[in-house]
Amino acid sequence: MSIEPSVRVEDKLFYNRYLVDTGRAHIKVRPHTTPSPELLTMLKACPARCYELNDKGQVEISVDGCIECGTCRVICEGSGDIEWSYPRGGYGVLFKFG
């Protein structure tokens, strides 16, 4: 029985490419002073780690590297914390394996 070496998710995500649509992010976090529980959940739930806390304690997103999995849509679905749309044609993630 052969044992496969463990591979981190970050290492797999490295192989994907993302064409950024400058000035037209497909996900936007609504302005807030205190993040909702849903936004705080995104800090750990986003598999591409696109959500981060800024120095003011607010949640921000960097869509560079977003894999368009929809996790944020599901978690933030009734809260109105984010605006989500598909990237324009030709932009977004390009999966290397699949």
C-alpha atoms as a PDB file:
ATOM      1  CA  MET A   1       0.000   0.000   0.000  1.00  0.00           C
ATOM      2  CA  SER A   2       1.489   3.317  -1.045  1.00  0.00           C
ATOM      3  CA  ILE A   3       0.942   6.430   1.016  1.00  0.00           C
ATOM      4  CA  GLU A   4       0.337   9.614  -0.930  1.00  0.00           C
ATOM      5  CA  PRO A   5       2.153  12.686   0.382  1.00  0.00           C
ATOM      6  CA  SER A   6      -0.180  15.215   1.968  1.00  0.00           C
ATOM      7  CA  VAL A   7      -0.827  18.342  -0.051  1.00  0.00           C
ATOM      8  CA  ARG A   8      -2.109  21.590   1.389  1.00  0.00           C
ATOM      9  CA  VAL A   9      -5.147  23.288  -0.147  1.00  0.00           C
ATOM     10  CA  GLU A  10      -3.061  26.407  -0.726  1.00  0.00           C
ATOM     11  CA  ASP A  11      -0.627  24.394  -2.828  1.00  0.00           C
ATOM     12  CA  LYS A  12      -3.458  23.103  -5.031  1.00  0.00           C
ATOM     13  CA  LEU A  13      -4.989  26.590  -5.373  1.00  0.00           C
ATOM     14  CA  PHE A  14      -1.623  27.888  -6.589  1.00  0.00           C
ATOM     15  CA  TYR A  15      -2.125  26.056  -9.889  1.00  0.00           C
ATOM     16  CA  ASN A  16      -5.345  27.942 -10.681  1.00  0.00           C
ATOM     17  CA  ARG A  17      -5.138  31.245 -12.518  1.00  0.00           C
ATOM     18  CA  TYR A  18      -7.353  34.256 -12.045  1.00  0.00           C
ATOM     19  CA  LEU A  19      -7.881  36.982 -14.602  1.00  0.00           C
ATOM     20  CA  VAL A  20      -8.775  40.090 -12.615  1.00  0.00           C
ATOM     21  CA  ASP A  21     -11.454  42.379 -14.050  1.00  0.00           C
ATOM     22  CA  THR A  22      -9.906  45.591 -12.744  1.00  0.00           C
ATOM     23  CA  GLY A  23     -12.472  47.949 -11.280  1.00  0.00           C
ATOM     24  CA  ARG A  24     -15.330  45.413 -11.523  1.00  0.00           C
ATOM     25  CA  ALA A  25     -15.099  43.049  -8.591  1.00  0.00           C
ATOM     26  CA  HIS A  26     -17.723  40.308  -8.728  1.00  0.00           C
ATOM     27  CA  ILE A  27     -18.019  40.267  -4.923  1.00  0.00           C
ATOM     28  CA  LYS A  28     -18.368  43.343  -2.750  1.00  0.00           C
ATOM     29  CA  VAL A  29     -18.658  43.521   1.022  1.00  0.00           C
ATOM     30  CA  ARG A  30     -21.234  46.093   2.148  1.00  0.00           C
ATOM     31  CA  PRO A  31     -19.846  48.949   4.249  1.00  0.00           C
ATOM     32  CA  HIS A  32     -19.976  48.171   7.958  1.00  0.00           C
ATOM     33  CA  THR A  33     -18.403  49.325  11.209  1.00  0.00           C
ATOM     34  CA  THR A  34     -18.774  46.008  13.026  1.00  0.00           C
ATOM     35  CA  PRO A  35     -18.742  42.763  11.039  1.00  0.00           C
ATOM     36  CA  SER A  36     -21.746  40.474  11.283  1.00  0.00           C
ATOM     37  CA  PRO A  37     -21.317  36.878  12.464  1.00  0.00           C
ATOM     38  CA  GLU A  38     -21.685  35.778   8.818  1.00  0.00           C
ATOM     39  CA  LEU A  39     -18.802  37.989   7.682  1.00  0.00           C
ATOM     40  CA  LEU A  40     -16.642  36.767  10.545  1.00  0.00           C
ATOM     41  CA  THR A  41     -17.414  33.206   9.489  1.00  0.00           C
ATOM     42  CA  MET A  42     -16.065  33.994   6.021  1.00  0.00           C
ATOM     43  CA  LEU A  43     -12.618  34.636   7.505  1.00  0.00           C
ATOM     44  CA  LYS A  44     -12.351  30.875   8.103  1.00  0.00           C
ATOM     45  CA  ALA A  45     -14.884  29.393   5.666  1.00  0.00           C
ATOM     46  CA  CYS A  46     -13.555  30.813   2.381  1.00  0.00           C
ATOM     47  CA  PRO A  47     -11.366  28.048   0.911  1.00  0.00           C
ATOM     48  CA  ALA A  48      -9.303  30.578  -1.049  1.00  0.00           C
ATOM     49  CA  ARG A  49      -8.918  32.847   2.005  1.00  0.00           C
ATOM     50  CA  CYS A  50     -10.133  35.918   0.148  1.00  0.00           C
ATOM     51  CA  TYR A  51     -11.685  37.518   3.244  1.00  0.00           C
ATOM     52  CA  GLU A  52      -9.501  39.374   5.772  1.00  0.00           C
ATOM     53  CA  LEU A  53      -9.857  41.808   8.662  1.00  0.00           C
ATOM     54  CA  ASN A  54      -8.406  45.245   8.038  1.00  0.00           C
ATOM     55  CA  ASP A  55      -6.754  47.396  10.701  1.00  0.00           C
ATOM     56  CA  LYS A  56     -10.167  48.909  11.599  1.00  0.00           C
ATOM     57  CA  GLY A  57     -11.661  45.488  12.383  1.00  0.00           C
ATOM     58  CA  GLN A  58     -13.773  45.414   9.222  1.00  0.00           C
ATOM     59  CA  VAL A  59     -13.984  42.471   6.838  1.00  0.00           C
ATOM     60  CA  GLU A  60     -12.615  43.094   3.346  1.00  0.00           C
ATOM     61  CA  ILE A  61     -12.400  40.877   0.292  1.00  0.00           C
ATOM     62  CA  SER A  62      -9.697  40.513  -2.307  1.00  0.00           C
ATOM     63  CA  VAL A  63     -11.299  38.783  -5.290  1.00  0.00           C
ATOM     64  CA  ASP A  64      -7.896  37.931  -6.760  1.00  0.00           C
ATOM     65  CA  GLY A  65      -7.755  34.188  -6.314  1.00  0.00           C
ATOM     66  CA  CYS A  66     -11.489  33.670  -5.700  1.00  0.00           C
ATOM     67  CA  ILE A  67     -12.464  30.204  -6.915  1.00  0.00           C
ATOM     68  CA  GLU A  68     -16.137  31.158  -7.308  1.00  0.00           C
ATOM     69  CA  CYS A  69     -17.251  28.272  -5.102  1.00  0.00           C
ATOM     70  CA  GLY A  70     -20.287  30.090  -3.699  1.00  0.00           C
ATOM     71  CA  THR A  71     -19.453  29.537  -0.027  1.00  0.00           C
ATOM     72  CA  CYS A  72     -19.891  33.231   0.703  1.00  0.00           C
ATOM     73  CA  ARG A  73     -23.240  33.275  -1.108  1.00  0.00           C
ATOM     74  CA  VAL A  74     -24.532  30.448   1.063  1.00  0.00           C
ATOM     75  CA  ILE A  75     -23.231  31.800   4.364  1.00  0.00           C
ATOM     76  CA  CYS A  76     -24.240  35.423   3.746  1.00  0.00           C
ATOM     77  CA  GLU A  77     -27.494  34.591   1.920  1.00  0.00           C
ATOM     78  CA  GLY A  78     -30.136  36.511   3.901  1.00  0.00           C
ATOM     79  CA  SER A  79     -27.824  38.924   5.671  1.00  0.00           C
ATOM     80  CA  GLY A  80     -27.162  41.295   2.774  1.00  0.00           C
ATOM     81  CA  ASP A  81     -23.504  41.478   3.815  1.00  0.00           C
ATOM     82  CA  ILE A  82     -22.182  40.904   0.303  1.00  0.00           C
ATOM     83  CA  GLU A  83     -23.122  41.588  -3.294  1.00  0.00           C
ATOM     84  CA  TRP A  84     -22.221  38.633  -5.507  1.00  0.00           C
ATOM     85  CA  SER A  85     -22.394  38.208  -9.268  1.00  0.00           C
ATOM     86  CA  TYR A  86     -20.599  36.077 -11.806  1.00  0.00           C
ATOM     87  CA  PRO A  87     -17.475  37.650 -13.309  1.00  0.00           C
ATOM     88  CA  ARG A  88     -17.837  38.999 -16.828  1.00  0.00           C
ATOM     89  CA  GLY A  89     -17.038  36.590 -19.627  1.00  0.00           C
ATOM     90  CA  GLY A  90     -13.330  35.876 -19.918  1.00  0.00           C
ATOM     91  CA  TYR A  91     -12.579  36.953 -16.351  1.00  0.00           C
ATOM     92  CA  GLY A  92     -12.386  35.004 -13.133  1.00  0.00           C
ATOM     93  CA  VAL A  93     -10.873  31.670 -12.244  1.00  0.00           C
ATOM     94  CA  LEU A  94      -9.293  29.287 -14.725  1.00  0.00           C
ATOM     95  CA  PHE A  95      -8.921  25.853 -13.147  1.00  0.00           C
ATOM     96  CA  LYS A  96      -5.753  23.982 -14.035  1.00  0.00           C
ATOM     97  CA  PHE A  97      -7.099  20.562 -13.058  1.00  0.00           C
ATOM     98  CA  GLY A  98     -10.732  20.270 -13.944  1.00  0.00           C
END
